[in-house]
Amino acid sequence: MRTNIGFTSIDQEYQTIMVTSTGPGEGKSTTIANLAIVFAQQGCKVLLVDTD
């Protein structure tokens, strides 16, 4: 997922990424937490807000 985000933002870096779904228990929190870890390990500044 991180690689795909990187390829879609070649010209300009994303400042905000939102993950959503149609119902509870579909893995939104797990997905975005893991994505935040990967970006942080790359040296990106990360702020994760989970309002589920």
Protein backbone atom coordinates (compact mmCIF):
# COMPACT_ATOMS: atom_id res chain seq x y z
CA MET A 1 0.00 0.00 0.00
CA ARG A 2 2.84 2.39 0.85
CA THR A 3 4.44 1.72 -2.52
CA ASN A 4 1.21 2.45 -4.37
CA ILE A 5 0.78 5.70 -2.46
CA GLY A 6 4.36 6.61 -3.36
CA PHE A 7 3.77 5.97 -7.06
CA THR A 8 0.59 8.07 -7.12
CA SER A 9 2.35 11.04 -5.51
CA ILE A 10 5.40 11.35 -7.76
CA ASP A 11 4.86 15.04 -8.55
CA GLN A 12 3.77 16.10 -5.08
CA GLU A 13 3.80 14.50 -1.63
CA TYR A 14 0.52 13.80 0.12
CA GLN A 15 -0.16 15.66 3.33
CA THR A 16 -3.33 13.79 4.31
CA ILE A 17 -4.44 10.19 3.87
CA MET A 18 -7.88 9.05 4.99
CA VAL A 19 -8.95 5.42 5.38
CA THR A 20 -12.65 4.63 5.59
CA SER A 21 -15.06 1.75 5.09
CA THR A 22 -18.76 0.98 5.18
CA GLY A 23 -18.85 -0.78 8.52
CA PRO A 24 -17.08 -1.58 11.79
CA GLY A 25 -14.53 -4.34 12.17
CA GLU A 26 -13.13 -4.14 8.64
CA GLY A 27 -9.53 -3.33 9.65
CA LYS A 28 -9.34 0.44 9.26
CA SER A 29 -7.44 1.02 12.50
CA THR A 30 -5.00 -1.82 11.88
CA THR A 31 -4.39 -0.75 8.29
CA ILE A 32 -3.73 2.91 9.08
CA ALA A 33 -1.60 2.08 12.15
CA ASN A 34 0.65 -0.16 10.08
CA LEU A 35 0.79 2.42 7.30
CA ALA A 36 1.77 5.11 9.83
CA ILE A 37 4.57 2.89 11.16
CA VAL A 38 5.97 2.33 7.68
CA PHE A 39 5.94 6.04 6.84
CA ALA A 40 7.55 6.90 10.20
CA GLN A 41 10.28 4.33 9.60
CA GLN A 42 11.02 6.12 6.32
CA GLY A 43 11.57 9.36 8.21
CA CYS A 44 8.24 11.00 7.35
CA LYS A 45 6.40 13.05 9.94
CA VAL A 46 3.27 11.15 10.97
CA LEU A 47 0.22 12.13 12.99
CA LEU A 48 -2.37 9.38 13.34
CA VAL A 49 -5.88 10.30 14.46
CA ASP A 50 -8.28 7.37 14.90
CA THR A 51 -11.81 8.62 15.50
CA ASP A 52 -13.64 5.37 14.95
